[in-house]
Amino acid sequence: MEGDVTGTNRKGHAVTGSSRKIKDNAADWHNLMVKWEKLNEDGFKAAGSMVDMRGTRPQSDQLLVLDESSSPSSPSSALPQQTGGAAELQDECCKLQDVVDKMVSVVKKMERLTASQQGLHDLEVFQFGLEGRKCPLFHSWTAKHFKESSCFLLDSFSQELKLKQTIVQELAHAATSDLCMVYLSCWLHQPFITPQTRLTLEAMLLETGHNPL
C-alpha cells in the first residue's frame, strides 16, 4: 500500500454524483492509511530510542524525565537544565506524543469519511428504498456495503489509536525492560490493524476502479 491515489487516478472514469464521491472517498481512505503507516514507523523509531535509553540511563535520569513528562505546567525551557541523558529521553517522549497527535488527526479525517459514506447510503435509501438501486454504482457493491466497510475501517483505526495513546502514557513508566519490549512490540505489530482491515481497503479500491481487477 505505497504511494498516493492522486487526482489523475480519480479522473480515469467519467463517474458523477454518488459514484464520484464514493470513488474519491476510497482514494482518501488509501491516502490516510499510507499516512498512518508512515506515522507508525516514525513512532516506532521514537519508542525504540526510548527503550534503548531506558536500558542505559541511570535511574535518577529516568525519574527526572518522568517528573517532567507528568507535569503539564513544566516549561520547555527547563529541559536544557536536565542531564544530557534525561533531556534526550524527554525529547523522544515528545516525538512520540507528536506522532500520536498526528494519528488523532488522521482518525478524525476517517470519521468524516465514514460520515460521508453514511450520508450517501441515507441518500440511496431516500431515493430507492431499503433495497437500494437495482444497478450497482460500480461492479457489485451497494452504498450500504461501502458504508459498512468504512465503519469497519474506522473501528479498526480507532481501537488502534486508543492502544497507541495507552503506550505513550505507559512506556516511560514501565517498571521493567520486558514490559517496555511488550509495548514496543504492540506498537510495531498493530494488533487492531488486521489482515482483514487491509483486505477491506483493497476490495474498496478494486470495486471503485482505483486498482485493476
N, C-alpha and C. Protein backbone atom coordinates (compact mmCIF):
# COMPACT_ATOMS: atom_id res chain seq x y z
N MET A 1 0.85 -1.18 0.00
CA MET A 1 0.00 0.00 0.00
C MET A 1 0.88 1.23 0.00
N GLU A 2 1.56 1.47 -1.11
CA GLU A 2 2.51 2.58 -1.18
C GLU A 2 2.02 3.63 -2.15
N GLY A 3 2.33 4.89 -1.85
CA GLY A 3 2.02 5.99 -2.75
C GLY A 3 0.60 6.47 -2.60
N ASP A 4 0.35 7.67 -3.11
CA ASP A 4 -0.96 8.27 -3.03
C ASP A 4 -1.79 7.90 -4.24
N VAL A 5 -3.09 7.80 -4.03
CA VAL A 5 -4.03 7.74 -5.14
C VAL A 5 -4.35 9.18 -5.49
N THR A 6 -3.94 9.63 -6.63
CA THR A 6 -3.99 11.05 -6.98
C THR A 6 -5.23 11.40 -7.77
N GLY A 7 -5.34 12.71 -8.05
CA GLY A 7 -6.45 13.19 -8.85
C GLY A 7 -6.47 12.57 -10.24
N THR A 8 -5.29 12.27 -10.79
CA THR A 8 -5.23 11.63 -12.10
C THR A 8 -5.92 10.29 -12.08
N ASN A 9 -5.65 9.49 -11.02
CA ASN A 9 -6.31 8.21 -10.91
C ASN A 9 -7.83 8.39 -10.80
N ARG A 10 -8.21 9.42 -10.05
CA ARG A 10 -9.63 9.61 -9.79
C ARG A 10 -10.40 9.96 -11.06
N LYS A 11 -9.74 10.56 -12.06
CA LYS A 11 -10.43 11.00 -13.25
C LYS A 11 -10.36 9.98 -14.38
N GLY A 12 -9.99 8.75 -14.02
CA GLY A 12 -9.83 7.73 -15.05
C GLY A 12 -11.14 7.31 -15.67
N HIS A 13 -12.25 7.51 -14.94
CA HIS A 13 -13.56 7.13 -15.47
C HIS A 13 -14.51 8.29 -15.26
N ALA A 14 -15.42 8.47 -16.17
CA ALA A 14 -16.37 9.58 -16.10
C ALA A 14 -17.51 9.20 -15.16
N VAL A 15 -17.26 9.30 -13.87
CA VAL A 15 -18.28 9.00 -12.88
C VAL A 15 -18.73 10.29 -12.23
N THR A 16 -20.01 10.34 -11.86
CA THR A 16 -20.57 11.56 -11.29
C THR A 16 -21.42 11.21 -10.08
N GLY A 17 -21.88 12.23 -9.39
CA GLY A 17 -22.82 12.04 -8.30
C GLY A 17 -22.26 11.17 -7.19
N SER A 18 -23.06 10.23 -6.71
CA SER A 18 -22.66 9.34 -5.63
C SER A 18 -21.43 8.52 -6.01
N SER A 19 -21.37 8.08 -7.26
CA SER A 19 -20.22 7.29 -7.71
C SER A 19 -18.93 8.09 -7.59
N ARG A 20 -18.98 9.37 -8.00
CA ARG A 20 -17.81 10.23 -7.91
C ARG A 20 -17.35 10.39 -6.47
N LYS A 21 -18.31 10.63 -5.58
CA LYS A 21 -17.98 10.85 -4.17
C LYS A 21 -17.43 9.59 -3.53
N ILE A 22 -18.01 8.45 -3.81
CA ILE A 22 -17.54 7.19 -3.24
C ILE A 22 -16.15 6.86 -3.76
N LYS A 23 -15.91 7.12 -5.04
CA LYS A 23 -14.59 6.86 -5.61
C LYS A 23 -13.53 7.76 -4.95
N ASP A 24 -13.89 9.02 -4.74
CA ASP A 24 -12.97 9.93 -4.06
C ASP A 24 -12.72 9.50 -2.62
N ASN A 25 -13.78 9.07 -1.94
CA ASN A 25 -13.63 8.61 -0.56
C ASN A 25 -12.69 7.41 -0.47
N ALA A 26 -12.80 6.50 -1.42
CA ALA A 26 -11.92 5.33 -1.42
C ALA A 26 -10.46 5.75 -1.56
N ALA A 27 -10.21 6.74 -2.44
CA ALA A 27 -8.85 7.25 -2.61
C ALA A 27 -8.37 7.90 -1.32
N ASP A 28 -9.26 8.63 -0.65
CA ASP A 28 -8.88 9.26 0.61
C ASP A 28 -8.57 8.23 1.69
N TRP A 29 -9.33 7.15 1.73
CA TRP A 29 -9.03 6.07 2.68
C TRP A 29 -7.62 5.54 2.44
N HIS A 30 -7.30 5.29 1.19
CA HIS A 30 -5.97 4.79 0.85
C HIS A 30 -4.89 5.75 1.33
N ASN A 31 -5.05 7.03 1.02
CA ASN A 31 -4.02 8.01 1.36
C ASN A 31 -3.86 8.17 2.87
N LEU A 32 -4.97 8.12 3.60
CA LEU A 32 -4.90 8.21 5.05
C LEU A 32 -4.20 6.99 5.66
N MET A 33 -4.45 5.82 5.09
CA MET A 33 -3.79 4.62 5.61
C MET A 33 -2.29 4.63 5.31
N VAL A 34 -1.92 5.17 4.16
CA VAL A 34 -0.49 5.33 3.86
C VAL A 34 0.15 6.28 4.86
N LYS A 35 -0.54 7.38 5.15
CA LYS A 35 -0.03 8.35 6.13
C LYS A 35 0.10 7.70 7.50
N TRP A 36 -0.89 6.91 7.88
CA TRP A 36 -0.86 6.22 9.18
C TRP A 36 0.37 5.31 9.27
N GLU A 37 0.63 4.55 8.23
CA GLU A 37 1.77 3.62 8.25
C GLU A 37 3.09 4.38 8.41
N LYS A 38 3.20 5.54 7.77
CA LYS A 38 4.41 6.35 7.93
C LYS A 38 4.54 6.85 9.37
N LEU A 39 3.43 7.29 9.93
CA LEU A 39 3.45 7.74 11.32
C LEU A 39 3.80 6.58 12.26
N ASN A 40 3.31 5.40 11.94
CA ASN A 40 3.62 4.23 12.78
C ASN A 40 5.12 3.93 12.77
N GLU A 41 5.73 4.08 11.61
CA GLU A 41 7.18 3.88 11.51
C GLU A 41 7.92 4.93 12.33
N ASP A 42 7.50 6.19 12.22
CA ASP A 42 8.15 7.26 12.98
C ASP A 42 8.00 7.03 14.48
N GLY A 43 6.81 6.61 14.88
CA GLY A 43 6.57 6.36 16.29
C GLY A 43 7.39 5.19 16.81
N PHE A 44 7.55 4.18 16.00
CA PHE A 44 8.34 3.01 16.41
C PHE A 44 9.80 3.40 16.63
N LYS A 45 10.30 4.28 15.77
CA LYS A 45 11.68 4.73 15.94
C LYS A 45 11.85 5.49 17.26
N ALA A 46 10.91 6.38 17.55
CA ALA A 46 10.98 7.15 18.80
C ALA A 46 10.83 6.25 20.01
N ALA A 47 9.86 5.32 19.94
CA ALA A 47 9.64 4.41 21.06
C ALA A 47 10.85 3.50 21.26
N GLY A 48 11.45 3.04 20.15
CA GLY A 48 12.65 2.21 20.25
C GLY A 48 13.81 2.94 20.88
N SER A 49 13.95 4.21 20.54
CA SER A 49 15.01 5.02 21.15
C SER A 49 14.78 5.17 22.65
N MET A 50 13.51 5.36 23.04
CA MET A 50 13.19 5.47 24.46
C MET A 50 13.56 4.20 25.21
N VAL A 51 13.22 3.06 24.61
CA VAL A 51 13.53 1.78 25.26
C VAL A 51 15.04 1.59 25.38
N ASP A 52 15.77 1.94 24.32
CA ASP A 52 17.23 1.81 24.36
C ASP A 52 17.82 2.72 25.44
N MET A 53 17.34 3.94 25.52
CA MET A 53 17.85 4.89 26.51
C MET A 53 17.54 4.44 27.93
N ARG A 54 16.36 3.92 28.12
CA ARG A 54 15.99 3.47 29.46
C ARG A 54 16.86 2.31 29.92
N GLY A 55 17.36 1.55 28.95
CA GLY A 55 18.21 0.43 29.33
C GLY A 55 19.62 0.83 29.68
N THR A 56 20.01 2.09 29.35
CA THR A 56 21.39 2.51 29.56
C THR A 56 21.52 3.71 30.49
N ARG A 57 20.39 4.41 30.82
CA ARG A 57 20.48 5.61 31.63
C ARG A 57 20.32 5.29 33.11
N PRO A 58 20.96 6.08 33.98
CA PRO A 58 20.79 5.89 35.42
C PRO A 58 19.33 6.11 35.83
N GLN A 59 18.92 5.44 36.90
CA GLN A 59 17.55 5.57 37.37
C GLN A 59 17.20 7.01 37.70
N SER A 60 18.16 7.78 38.22
CA SER A 60 17.89 9.17 38.57
C SER A 60 17.51 9.99 37.35
N ASP A 61 18.16 9.71 36.19
CA ASP A 61 17.83 10.41 34.94
C ASP A 61 16.40 10.07 34.52
N GLN A 62 16.05 8.79 34.63
CA GLN A 62 14.73 8.35 34.19
C GLN A 62 13.64 8.99 35.04
N LEU A 63 13.86 9.06 36.35
CA LEU A 63 12.87 9.67 37.23
C LEU A 63 12.69 11.15 36.92
N LEU A 64 13.78 11.82 36.54
CA LEU A 64 13.69 13.22 36.19
C LEU A 64 12.81 13.41 34.96
N VAL A 65 12.96 12.52 33.98
CA VAL A 65 12.13 12.60 32.78
C VAL A 65 10.67 12.35 33.13
N LEU A 66 10.40 11.39 34.00
CA LEU A 66 9.04 11.09 34.39
C LEU A 66 8.41 12.27 35.10
N ASP A 67 9.18 12.94 35.97
CA ASP A 67 8.66 14.11 36.66
C ASP A 67 8.28 15.21 35.67
N GLU A 68 9.15 15.42 34.66
CA GLU A 68 8.89 16.46 33.67
C GLU A 68 7.69 16.11 32.81
N SER A 69 7.61 14.84 32.36
CA SER A 69 6.54 14.44 31.45
C SER A 69 5.21 14.37 32.15
N SER A 70 5.19 14.18 33.47
CA SER A 70 3.93 14.08 34.19
C SER A 70 3.42 15.43 34.66
N SER A 71 4.21 16.49 34.43
CA SER A 71 3.80 17.82 34.86
C SER A 71 3.51 18.70 33.65
N PRO A 72 2.22 18.87 33.30
CA PRO A 72 1.90 19.65 32.09
C PRO A 72 2.32 21.09 32.17
N SER A 73 2.56 21.61 33.38
CA SER A 73 2.93 23.01 33.50
C SER A 73 4.43 23.25 33.42
N SER A 74 5.21 22.15 33.28
CA SER A 74 6.66 22.30 33.23
C SER A 74 7.06 23.02 31.96
N PRO A 75 7.79 24.13 32.05
CA PRO A 75 8.19 24.87 30.85
C PRO A 75 9.24 24.11 30.06
N SER A 76 9.14 24.20 28.73
CA SER A 76 10.12 23.52 27.88
C SER A 76 11.51 24.09 28.10
N SER A 77 11.60 25.32 28.57
CA SER A 77 12.91 25.93 28.78
C SER A 77 13.69 25.24 29.89
N ALA A 78 12.99 24.39 30.68
CA ALA A 78 13.68 23.69 31.76
C ALA A 78 14.50 22.52 31.26
N LEU A 79 14.23 22.08 30.02
CA LEU A 79 14.89 20.88 29.52
C LEU A 79 16.41 21.00 29.47
N PRO A 80 17.01 22.11 29.01
CA PRO A 80 18.47 22.18 28.95
C PRO A 80 19.13 22.04 30.32
N GLN A 81 18.37 22.27 31.42
CA GLN A 81 18.96 22.16 32.74
C GLN A 81 19.05 20.70 33.19
N GLN A 82 18.39 19.79 32.48
CA GLN A 82 18.45 18.38 32.82
C GLN A 82 19.82 17.82 32.44
N THR A 83 20.10 16.64 32.95
CA THR A 83 21.29 15.94 32.50
C THR A 83 21.09 15.57 31.04
N GLY A 84 22.18 15.33 30.32
CA GLY A 84 22.09 15.05 28.90
C GLY A 84 21.20 13.87 28.58
N GLY A 85 21.34 12.77 29.36
CA GLY A 85 20.54 11.58 29.10
C GLY A 85 19.07 11.83 29.30
N ALA A 86 18.70 12.54 30.37
CA ALA A 86 17.30 12.81 30.64
C ALA A 86 16.70 13.71 29.56
N ALA A 87 17.45 14.70 29.11
CA ALA A 87 16.96 15.60 28.06
C ALA A 87 16.71 14.84 26.77
N GLU A 88 17.59 13.92 26.42
CA GLU A 88 17.42 13.11 25.20
C GLU A 88 16.17 12.24 25.30
N LEU A 89 15.99 11.63 26.48
CA LEU A 89 14.82 10.78 26.68
C LEU A 89 13.53 11.60 26.62
N GLN A 90 13.57 12.78 27.21
CA GLN A 90 12.40 13.67 27.16
C GLN A 90 12.09 14.06 25.72
N ASP A 91 13.11 14.29 24.92
CA ASP A 91 12.93 14.65 23.52
C ASP A 91 12.23 13.54 22.75
N GLU A 92 12.61 12.29 23.01
CA GLU A 92 11.97 11.16 22.34
C GLU A 92 10.52 11.01 22.81
N CYS A 93 10.26 11.29 24.08
CA CYS A 93 8.88 11.27 24.59
C CYS A 93 8.02 12.27 23.83
N CYS A 94 8.56 13.46 23.61
CA CYS A 94 7.84 14.50 22.88
C CYS A 94 7.60 14.09 21.43
N LYS A 95 8.59 13.46 20.82
CA LYS A 95 8.44 12.99 19.43
C LYS A 95 7.31 11.96 19.34
N LEU A 96 7.26 11.04 20.30
CA LEU A 96 6.24 10.00 20.28
C LEU A 96 4.85 10.61 20.49
N GLN A 97 4.75 11.58 21.38
CA GLN A 97 3.47 12.24 21.61
C GLN A 97 3.03 13.00 20.36
N ASP A 98 3.97 13.61 19.66
CA ASP A 98 3.65 14.33 18.43
C ASP A 98 3.11 13.37 17.37
N VAL A 99 3.68 12.17 17.29
CA VAL A 99 3.19 11.17 16.35
C VAL A 99 1.75 10.81 16.67
N VAL A 100 1.45 10.58 17.94
CA VAL A 100 0.10 10.20 18.33
C VAL A 100 -0.88 11.34 18.07
N ASP A 101 -0.46 12.57 18.30
CA ASP A 101 -1.32 13.72 18.00
C ASP A 101 -1.69 13.75 16.51
N LYS A 102 -0.72 13.42 15.65
CA LYS A 102 -0.99 13.37 14.21
C LYS A 102 -1.90 12.19 13.86
N MET A 103 -1.76 11.09 14.59
CA MET A 103 -2.65 9.95 14.39
C MET A 103 -4.09 10.30 14.77
N VAL A 104 -4.25 11.09 15.81
CA VAL A 104 -5.58 11.57 16.20
C VAL A 104 -6.20 12.34 15.04
N SER A 105 -5.41 13.19 14.38
CA SER A 105 -5.90 13.96 13.24
C SER A 105 -6.31 13.04 12.09
N VAL A 106 -5.54 11.98 11.85
CA VAL A 106 -5.86 11.03 10.79
C VAL A 106 -7.20 10.35 11.08
N VAL A 107 -7.40 9.93 12.32
CA VAL A 107 -8.64 9.24 12.67
C VAL A 107 -9.84 10.19 12.56
N LYS A 108 -9.65 11.45 12.88
CA LYS A 108 -10.73 12.42 12.72
C LYS A 108 -11.14 12.55 11.26
N LYS A 109 -10.16 12.51 10.37
CA LYS A 109 -10.47 12.55 8.94
C LYS A 109 -11.18 11.28 8.51
N MET A 110 -10.80 10.16 9.10
CA MET A 110 -11.50 8.90 8.82
C MET A 110 -12.95 8.95 9.29
N GLU A 111 -13.18 9.62 10.40
CA GLU A 111 -14.55 9.79 10.90
C GLU A 111 -15.38 10.59 9.90
N ARG A 112 -14.78 11.60 9.31
CA ARG A 112 -15.51 12.42 8.33
C ARG A 112 -15.81 11.60 7.07
N LEU A 113 -14.87 10.75 6.66
CA LEU A 113 -15.12 9.89 5.50
C LEU A 113 -16.27 8.93 5.78
N THR A 114 -16.29 8.37 6.98
CA THR A 114 -17.35 7.44 7.35
C THR A 114 -18.70 8.15 7.40
N ALA A 115 -18.71 9.37 7.93
CA ALA A 115 -19.95 10.15 7.95
C ALA A 115 -20.43 10.44 6.52
N SER A 116 -19.49 10.68 5.62
CA SER A 116 -19.84 10.91 4.22
C SER A 116 -20.48 9.68 3.61
N GLN A 117 -19.89 8.50 3.90
CA GLN A 117 -20.45 7.25 3.37
C GLN A 117 -21.84 6.99 3.95
N GLN A 118 -22.03 7.32 5.22
CA GLN A 118 -23.34 7.17 5.83
C GLN A 118 -24.36 8.07 5.14
N GLY A 119 -23.95 9.30 4.83
CA GLY A 119 -24.84 10.22 4.15
C GLY A 119 -25.22 9.74 2.76
N LEU A 120 -24.26 9.17 2.04
CA LEU A 120 -24.54 8.63 0.71
C LEU A 120 -25.49 7.45 0.78
N HIS A 121 -25.31 6.62 1.81
CA HIS A 121 -26.23 5.49 1.99
C HIS A 121 -27.63 5.98 2.31
N ASP A 122 -27.74 6.97 3.18
CA ASP A 122 -29.05 7.52 3.53
C ASP A 122 -29.73 8.12 2.30
N LEU A 123 -28.95 8.76 1.43
CA LEU A 123 -29.50 9.33 0.20
C LEU A 123 -30.03 8.23 -0.71
N GLU A 124 -29.29 7.13 -0.80
CA GLU A 124 -29.74 5.99 -1.63
C GLU A 124 -31.05 5.42 -1.11
N VAL A 125 -31.14 5.30 0.22
CA VAL A 125 -32.38 4.78 0.82
C VAL A 125 -33.54 5.72 0.53
N PHE A 126 -33.29 7.02 0.62
CA PHE A 126 -34.34 8.00 0.33
C PHE A 126 -34.79 7.93 -1.13
N GLN A 127 -33.83 7.71 -2.03
CA GLN A 127 -34.14 7.71 -3.46
C GLN A 127 -34.73 6.39 -3.94
N PHE A 128 -34.20 5.27 -3.40
CA PHE A 128 -34.55 3.96 -3.97
C PHE A 128 -35.17 2.99 -2.98
N GLY A 129 -35.30 3.41 -1.71
CA GLY A 129 -35.86 2.49 -0.72
C GLY A 129 -34.78 1.64 -0.07
N LEU A 130 -35.20 0.81 0.86
CA LEU A 130 -34.26 0.00 1.63
C LEU A 130 -33.46 -0.97 0.76
N GLU A 131 -34.03 -1.40 -0.34
CA GLU A 131 -33.34 -2.35 -1.22
C GLU A 131 -32.24 -1.68 -2.04
N GLY A 132 -32.26 -0.35 -2.12
CA GLY A 132 -31.23 0.35 -2.88
C GLY A 132 -31.48 0.31 -4.37
N ARG A 133 -30.56 0.89 -5.13
CA ARG A 133 -30.70 0.93 -6.59
C ARG A 133 -30.53 -0.47 -7.18
N LYS A 134 -31.16 -0.72 -8.30
CA LYS A 134 -31.09 -2.05 -8.92
C LYS A 134 -29.73 -2.29 -9.57
N CYS A 135 -29.15 -1.26 -10.18
CA CYS A 135 -27.84 -1.40 -10.81
C CYS A 135 -26.77 -0.88 -9.86
N PRO A 136 -25.72 -1.65 -9.59
CA PRO A 136 -24.67 -1.20 -8.66
C PRO A 136 -23.94 0.02 -9.21
N LEU A 137 -23.37 0.80 -8.31
CA LEU A 137 -22.64 2.01 -8.72
C LEU A 137 -21.38 1.66 -9.51
N PHE A 138 -20.75 0.53 -9.16
CA PHE A 138 -19.51 0.13 -9.83
C PHE A 138 -19.64 -1.30 -10.34
N HIS A 139 -19.08 -2.27 -9.63
CA HIS A 139 -19.16 -3.66 -10.06
C HIS A 139 -20.29 -4.41 -9.36
N SER A 140 -20.24 -4.44 -8.03
CA SER A 140 -21.26 -5.21 -7.32
C SER A 140 -21.67 -4.60 -5.98
N TRP A 141 -20.84 -3.72 -5.42
CA TRP A 141 -21.14 -3.18 -4.09
C TRP A 141 -22.31 -2.20 -4.11
N THR A 142 -23.08 -2.23 -3.04
CA THR A 142 -24.13 -1.23 -2.83
C THR A 142 -23.57 -0.11 -1.96
N ALA A 143 -24.32 0.99 -1.85
CA ALA A 143 -23.91 2.08 -0.96
C ALA A 143 -23.82 1.60 0.48
N LYS A 144 -24.69 0.66 0.84
CA LYS A 144 -24.64 0.10 2.19
C LYS A 144 -23.33 -0.65 2.42
N HIS A 145 -22.85 -1.35 1.42
CA HIS A 145 -21.59 -2.09 1.53
C HIS A 145 -20.43 -1.12 1.75
N PHE A 146 -20.42 -0.03 1.03
CA PHE A 146 -19.37 0.98 1.22
C PHE A 146 -19.43 1.57 2.62
N LYS A 147 -20.65 1.84 3.10
CA LYS A 147 -20.81 2.39 4.45
C LYS A 147 -20.29 1.40 5.49
N GLU A 148 -20.67 0.14 5.37
CA GLU A 148 -20.24 -0.86 6.35
C GLU A 148 -18.73 -1.05 6.32
N SER A 149 -18.13 -1.00 5.14
CA SER A 149 -16.68 -1.13 5.03
C SER A 149 -15.98 0.05 5.70
N SER A 150 -16.51 1.25 5.50
CA SER A 150 -15.94 2.43 6.14
C SER A 150 -16.04 2.33 7.66
N CYS A 151 -17.18 1.88 8.15
CA CYS A 151 -17.36 1.71 9.60
C CYS A 151 -16.36 0.71 10.15
N PHE A 152 -16.12 -0.36 9.42
CA PHE A 152 -15.16 -1.37 9.87
C PHE A 152 -13.75 -0.79 9.92
N LEU A 153 -13.38 -0.06 8.88
CA LEU A 153 -12.05 0.56 8.86
C LEU A 153 -11.89 1.57 9.99
N LEU A 154 -12.90 2.39 10.19
CA LEU A 154 -12.84 3.39 11.26
C LEU A 154 -12.70 2.74 12.62
N ASP A 155 -13.46 1.68 12.86
CA ASP A 155 -13.38 0.99 14.15
C ASP A 155 -11.98 0.42 14.38
N SER A 156 -11.37 -0.15 13.34
CA SER A 156 -10.03 -0.72 13.46
C SER A 156 -9.02 0.35 13.88
N PHE A 157 -9.05 1.48 13.20
CA PHE A 157 -8.07 2.53 13.48
C PHE A 157 -8.38 3.26 14.79
N SER A 158 -9.65 3.36 15.15
CA SER A 158 -10.00 3.98 16.43
C SER A 158 -9.48 3.14 17.59
N GLN A 159 -9.64 1.82 17.49
CA GLN A 159 -9.13 0.94 18.54
C GLN A 159 -7.60 0.98 18.59
N GLU A 160 -6.97 1.02 17.43
CA GLU A 160 -5.51 1.08 17.40
C GLU A 160 -5.01 2.39 17.99
N LEU A 161 -5.71 3.47 17.73
CA LEU A 161 -5.33 4.76 18.29
C LEU A 161 -5.39 4.72 19.82
N LYS A 162 -6.41 4.11 20.38
CA LYS A 162 -6.52 4.00 21.83
C LYS A 162 -5.32 3.23 22.40
N LEU A 163 -4.90 2.19 21.69
CA LEU A 163 -3.73 1.43 22.13
C LEU A 163 -2.49 2.31 22.09
N LYS A 164 -2.31 3.06 21.00
CA LYS A 164 -1.14 3.95 20.89
C LYS A 164 -1.12 4.96 22.04
N GLN A 165 -2.28 5.52 22.35
CA GLN A 165 -2.35 6.51 23.42
C GLN A 165 -1.97 5.90 24.76
N THR A 166 -2.37 4.64 24.97
CA THR A 166 -2.00 3.95 26.20
C THR A 166 -0.50 3.70 26.26
N ILE A 167 0.07 3.30 25.13
CA ILE A 167 1.51 3.04 25.08
C ILE A 167 2.30 4.30 25.40
N VAL A 168 1.87 5.44 24.85
CA VAL A 168 2.56 6.71 25.12
C VAL A 168 2.54 7.01 26.62
N GLN A 169 1.41 6.76 27.24
CA GLN A 169 1.27 7.06 28.66
C GLN A 169 2.10 6.13 29.54
N GLU A 170 2.24 4.88 29.09
CA GLU A 170 2.83 3.86 29.95
C GLU A 170 4.30 3.57 29.67
N LEU A 171 4.77 3.85 28.47
CA LEU A 171 6.11 3.41 28.09
C LEU A 171 7.20 3.98 29.00
N ALA A 172 7.14 5.27 29.26
CA ALA A 172 8.17 5.90 30.08
C ALA A 172 8.09 5.47 31.54
N HIS A 173 6.94 4.89 31.93
CA HIS A 173 6.75 4.50 33.33
C HIS A 173 6.90 2.99 33.53
N ALA A 174 7.14 2.24 32.46
CA ALA A 174 7.23 0.78 32.57
C ALA A 174 8.30 0.38 33.58
N ALA A 175 7.94 -0.58 34.44
CA ALA A 175 8.84 -0.93 35.55
C ALA A 175 10.01 -1.80 35.10
N THR A 176 9.84 -2.57 34.03
CA THR A 176 10.90 -3.49 33.61
C THR A 176 11.17 -3.35 32.12
N SER A 177 12.34 -3.80 31.71
CA SER A 177 12.68 -3.76 30.28
C SER A 177 11.80 -4.71 29.49
N ASP A 178 11.38 -5.83 30.11
CA ASP A 178 10.49 -6.77 29.42
C ASP A 178 9.16 -6.10 29.08
N LEU A 179 8.63 -5.32 30.01
CA LEU A 179 7.37 -4.63 29.76
C LEU A 179 7.54 -3.57 28.67
N CYS A 180 8.69 -2.91 28.67
CA CYS A 180 8.99 -1.96 27.59
C CYS A 180 8.96 -2.65 26.23
N MET A 181 9.52 -3.85 26.16
CA MET A 181 9.55 -4.58 24.89
C MET A 181 8.15 -5.01 24.47
N VAL A 182 7.28 -5.30 25.43
CA VAL A 182 5.90 -5.64 25.11
C VAL A 182 5.21 -4.44 24.46
N TYR A 183 5.38 -3.27 25.07
CA TYR A 183 4.78 -2.06 24.50
C TYR A 183 5.34 -1.78 23.11
N LEU A 184 6.64 -1.95 22.95
CA LEU A 184 7.27 -1.70 21.66
C LEU A 184 6.74 -2.66 20.59
N SER A 185 6.59 -3.92 20.97
CA SER A 185 6.06 -4.91 20.03
C SER A 185 4.62 -4.60 19.63
N CYS A 186 3.82 -4.18 20.62
CA CYS A 186 2.43 -3.82 20.32
C CYS A 186 2.36 -2.65 19.36
N TRP A 187 3.24 -1.68 19.57
CA TRP A 187 3.26 -0.52 18.65
C TRP A 187 3.58 -0.97 17.23
N LEU A 188 4.59 -1.81 17.09
CA LEU A 188 5.03 -2.22 15.76
C LEU A 188 3.99 -3.06 15.03
N HIS A 189 3.41 -4.04 15.72
CA HIS A 189 2.56 -5.03 15.05
C HIS A 189 1.09 -4.62 14.93
N GLN A 190 0.68 -3.58 15.65
CA GLN A 190 -0.66 -3.02 15.47
C GLN A 190 -1.75 -4.10 15.47
N PRO A 191 -2.06 -4.67 16.63
CA PRO A 191 -3.00 -5.80 16.67
C PRO A 191 -4.40 -5.49 16.16
N PHE A 192 -4.81 -4.22 16.17
CA PHE A 192 -6.15 -3.89 15.71
C PHE A 192 -6.20 -3.61 14.20
N ILE A 193 -5.02 -3.47 13.57
CA ILE A 193 -4.97 -3.32 12.11
C ILE A 193 -4.68 -4.71 11.54
N THR A 194 -5.72 -5.47 11.34
CA THR A 194 -5.61 -6.88 10.97
C THR A 194 -5.50 -7.05 9.46
N PRO A 195 -5.16 -8.25 9.00
CA PRO A 195 -5.18 -8.51 7.56
C PRO A 195 -6.54 -8.19 6.93
N GLN A 196 -7.62 -8.41 7.69
CA GLN A 196 -8.95 -8.11 7.18
C GLN A 196 -9.12 -6.62 6.93
N THR A 197 -8.48 -5.80 7.76
CA THR A 197 -8.53 -4.36 7.57
C THR A 197 -7.93 -3.98 6.22
N ARG A 198 -6.76 -4.54 5.94
CA ARG A 198 -6.07 -4.23 4.69
C ARG A 198 -6.82 -4.80 3.49
N LEU A 199 -7.41 -5.97 3.66
CA LEU A 199 -8.19 -6.57 2.57
C LEU A 199 -9.44 -5.75 2.27
N THR A 200 -10.03 -5.17 3.32
CA THR A 200 -11.21 -4.34 3.12
C THR A 200 -10.87 -3.12 2.27
N LEU A 201 -9.74 -2.49 2.57
CA LEU A 201 -9.32 -1.35 1.75
C LEU A 201 -9.04 -1.79 0.32
N GLU A 202 -8.33 -2.90 0.15
CA GLU A 202 -8.01 -3.38 -1.19
C GLU A 202 -9.28 -3.67 -1.98
N ALA A 203 -10.27 -4.28 -1.34
CA ALA A 203 -11.53 -4.57 -2.01
C ALA A 203 -12.24 -3.28 -2.42
N MET A 204 -12.16 -2.26 -1.57
CA MET A 204 -12.77 -0.97 -1.88
C MET A 204 -12.10 -0.33 -3.09
N LEU A 205 -10.77 -0.42 -3.15
CA LEU A 205 -10.04 0.15 -4.29
C LEU A 205 -10.31 -0.62 -5.57
N LEU A 206 -10.46 -1.92 -5.47
CA LEU A 206 -10.80 -2.73 -6.65
C LEU A 206 -12.21 -2.40 -7.13
N GLU A 207 -13.14 -2.32 -6.21
CA GLU A 207 -14.53 -2.05 -6.56
C GLU A 207 -14.69 -0.71 -7.24
N THR A 208 -13.95 0.30 -6.80
CA THR A 208 -14.09 1.65 -7.35
C THR A 208 -13.19 1.90 -8.56
N GLY A 209 -12.39 0.91 -8.94
CA GLY A 209 -11.58 1.05 -10.15
C GLY A 209 -10.22 1.68 -9.95
N HIS A 210 -9.84 1.98 -8.70
CA HIS A 210 -8.51 2.54 -8.46
C HIS A 210 -7.43 1.48 -8.73
N ASN A 211 -7.73 0.26 -8.40
CA ASN A 211 -6.82 -0.86 -8.70
C ASN A 211 -7.53 -1.77 -9.70
N PRO A 212 -6.80 -2.33 -10.66
CA PRO A 212 -7.44 -3.17 -11.68
C PRO A 212 -7.86 -4.52 -11.12
N LEU A 213 -8.99 -5.01 -11.61
CA LEU A 213 -9.47 -6.34 -11.21
C LEU A 213 -8.62 -7.42 -11.87
